Amino acid sequence: MSSTGSTLTALDNKTFWASPSGDFAFGFQEIGKQGFLLAIWFNKIPARTPKGSPVELNADVRFMLNDIPTGKQISVADFVGTGVAQGF
């Protein structure tokens, strides 16, 4: 969790702000040798999401990440009505 006046610097992928629940993170992700992307990501997934793993909004109105190597489905967000029930 961050406080007013705190800063993030685009130096590596190790510094980020976590949401109060720890489910999400906000920070810089390195893309290439000299570039960074400012991003929000799911912070409680134990390993990086493998390339080619799709995310799906299913019939139960839940975002499910399909982990290609393991075949597991991971719930990453639930929606209620038109708003987000879980989020940053």
C-alpha atoms as a PDB file:
ATOM      1  CA  MET A   1       0.000   0.000   0.000  1.00  0.00           C
ATOM      2  CA  SER A   2       1.302   3.443  -0.805  1.00  0.00           C
ATOM      3  CA  SER A   3       0.817   6.756   0.920  1.00  0.00           C
ATOM      4  CA  THR A   4       0.486  10.306  -0.382  1.00  0.00           C
ATOM      5  CA  GLY A   5       3.812  11.558  -1.680  1.00  0.00           C
ATOM      6  CA  SER A   6       5.325   8.109  -2.279  1.00  0.00           C
ATOM      7  CA  THR A   7       6.914   7.446  -5.678  1.00  0.00           C
ATOM      8  CA  LEU A   8       7.713   4.566  -8.003  1.00  0.00           C
ATOM      9  CA  THR A   9      10.765   4.669 -10.274  1.00  0.00           C
ATOM     10  CA  ALA A  10      11.116   2.717 -13.523  1.00  0.00           C
ATOM     11  CA  LEU A  11      14.258   0.755 -12.659  1.00  0.00           C
ATOM     12  CA  ASP A  12      13.183  -2.879 -12.402  1.00  0.00           C
ATOM     13  CA  ASN A  13      10.133  -5.131 -11.849  1.00  0.00           C
ATOM     14  CA  LYS A  14      10.659  -5.407  -8.081  1.00  0.00           C
ATOM     15  CA  THR A  15       9.093  -2.144  -6.909  1.00  0.00           C
ATOM     16  CA  PHE A  16       5.307  -1.803  -6.967  1.00  0.00           C
ATOM     17  CA  TRP A  17       2.327  -0.769  -4.891  1.00  0.00           C
ATOM     18  CA  ALA A  18       0.011  -3.557  -3.770  1.00  0.00           C
ATOM     19  CA  SER A  19      -3.733  -3.158  -3.252  1.00  0.00           C
ATOM     20  CA  PRO A  20      -4.979  -3.423   0.371  1.00  0.00           C
ATOM     21  CA  SER A  21      -5.943  -7.076  -0.218  1.00  0.00           C
ATOM     22  CA  GLY A  22      -2.649  -7.845  -1.966  1.00  0.00           C
ATOM     23  CA  ASP A  23      -4.580  -9.251  -4.951  1.00  0.00           C
ATOM     24  CA  PHE A  24      -3.398  -6.564  -7.374  1.00  0.00           C
ATOM     25  CA  ALA A  25      -0.235  -4.575  -7.937  1.00  0.00           C
ATOM     26  CA  PHE A  26       0.541  -1.314  -9.742  1.00  0.00           C
ATOM     27  CA  GLY A  27       3.989  -0.462 -11.024  1.00  0.00           C
ATOM     28  CA  PHE A  28       6.458  -0.564 -13.889  1.00  0.00           C
ATOM     29  CA  GLN A  29       7.120  -3.709 -15.922  1.00  0.00           C
ATOM     30  CA  GLU A  30      10.242  -3.822 -18.066  1.00  0.00           C
ATOM     31  CA  ILE A  31       9.611  -4.358 -21.785  1.00  0.00           C
ATOM     32  CA  GLY A  32      12.876  -4.606 -23.630  1.00  0.00           C
ATOM     33  CA  LYS A  33      16.226  -3.081 -22.747  1.00  0.00           C
ATOM     34  CA  GLN A  34      15.230   0.572 -22.312  1.00  0.00           C
ATOM     35  CA  GLY A  35      11.453   0.574 -21.940  1.00  0.00           C
ATOM     36  CA  PHE A  36       8.905   0.219 -19.179  1.00  0.00           C
ATOM     37  CA  LEU A  37       5.140  -0.218 -19.174  1.00  0.00           C
ATOM     38  CA  LEU A  38       3.060   1.246 -16.345  1.00  0.00           C
ATOM     39  CA  ALA A  39       0.709  -1.595 -15.475  1.00  0.00           C
ATOM     40  CA  ILE A  40      -1.762  -3.171 -13.066  1.00  0.00           C
ATOM     41  CA  TRP A  41      -1.449  -6.948 -12.645  1.00  0.00           C
ATOM     42  CA  PHE A  42      -2.783  -9.829 -10.576  1.00  0.00           C
ATOM     43  CA  ASN A  43      -0.300 -10.091  -7.721  1.00  0.00           C
ATOM     44  CA  LYS A  44      -1.335 -13.389  -6.103  1.00  0.00           C
ATOM     45  CA  ILE A  45      -0.683 -15.636  -9.086  1.00  0.00           C
ATOM     46  CA  PRO A  46       2.376 -17.609  -7.895  1.00  0.00           C
ATOM     47  CA  ALA A  47       4.247 -17.521 -11.215  1.00  0.00           C
ATOM     48  CA  ARG A  48       4.165 -15.286 -14.265  1.00  0.00           C
ATOM     49  CA  THR A  49       1.327 -16.071 -16.632  1.00  0.00           C
ATOM     50  CA  PRO A  50       2.715 -18.254 -19.440  1.00  0.00           C
ATOM     51  CA  LYS A  51       2.581 -16.911 -22.993  1.00  0.00           C
ATOM     52  CA  GLY A  52      -0.600 -17.941 -24.777  1.00  0.00           C
ATOM     53  CA  SER A  53      -2.716 -18.307 -21.606  1.00  0.00           C
ATOM     54  CA  PRO A  54      -6.131 -16.768 -22.335  1.00  0.00           C
ATOM     55  CA  VAL A  55      -8.425 -14.956 -19.916  1.00  0.00           C
ATOM     56  CA  GLU A  56     -12.156 -15.527 -20.388  1.00  0.00           C
ATOM     57  CA  LEU A  57     -15.309 -13.826 -19.105  1.00  0.00           C
ATOM     58  CA  ASN A  58     -17.441 -16.910 -18.464  1.00  0.00           C
ATOM     59  CA  ALA A  59     -21.215 -17.411 -18.177  1.00  0.00           C
ATOM     60  CA  ASP A  60     -21.043 -16.840 -14.392  1.00  0.00           C
ATOM     61  CA  VAL A  61     -19.646 -13.342 -15.141  1.00  0.00           C
ATOM     62  CA  ARG A  62     -16.216 -14.216 -13.752  1.00  0.00           C
ATOM     63  CA  PHE A  63     -12.818 -13.610 -15.337  1.00  0.00           C
ATOM     64  CA  MET A  64     -11.006 -16.942 -15.516  1.00  0.00           C
ATOM     65  CA  LEU A  65      -7.333 -17.296 -16.446  1.00  0.00           C
ATOM     66  CA  ASN A  66      -6.647 -20.557 -18.272  1.00  0.00           C
ATOM     67  CA  ASP A  67      -3.108 -21.620 -17.333  1.00  0.00           C
ATOM     68  CA  ILE A  68      -1.931 -23.463 -20.457  1.00  0.00           C
ATOM     69  CA  PRO A  69       0.897 -25.598 -18.938  1.00  0.00           C
ATOM     70  CA  THR A  70      -1.149 -26.921 -15.983  1.00  0.00           C
ATOM     71  CA  GLY A  71      -4.628 -26.823 -17.505  1.00  0.00           C
ATOM     72  CA  LYS A  72      -5.917 -25.086 -14.360  1.00  0.00           C
ATOM     73  CA  GLN A  73      -8.460 -22.274 -14.370  1.00  0.00           C
ATOM     74  CA  ILE A  74      -7.803 -19.440 -11.934  1.00  0.00           C
ATOM     75  CA  SER A  75     -10.553 -16.984 -11.004  1.00  0.00           C
ATOM     76  CA  VAL A  76      -9.069 -13.498 -11.247  1.00  0.00           C
ATOM     77  CA  ALA A  77     -12.106 -11.211 -10.817  1.00  0.00           C
ATOM     78  CA  ASP A  78     -15.832 -11.450 -10.132  1.00  0.00           C
ATOM     79  CA  PHE A  79     -18.394  -8.954 -11.382  1.00  0.00           C
ATOM     80  CA  VAL A  80     -21.696  -7.934  -9.834  1.00  0.00           C
ATOM     81  CA  GLY A  81     -24.140  -6.121 -12.102  1.00  0.00           C
ATOM     82  CA  THR A  82     -22.246  -3.563 -14.151  1.00  0.00           C
ATOM     83  CA  GLY A  83     -19.475  -2.897 -11.602  1.00  0.00           C
ATOM     84  CA  VAL A  84     -16.414  -4.752 -10.424  1.00  0.00           C
ATOM     85  CA  ALA A  85     -16.888  -6.723  -7.213  1.00  0.00           C
ATOM     86  CA  GLN A  86     -13.168  -7.252  -6.711  1.00  0.00           C
ATOM     87  CA  GLY A  87     -10.605  -4.785  -7.937  1.00  0.00           C
ATOM     88  CA  PHE A  88      -7.619  -2.621  -7.179  1.00  0.00           C
END
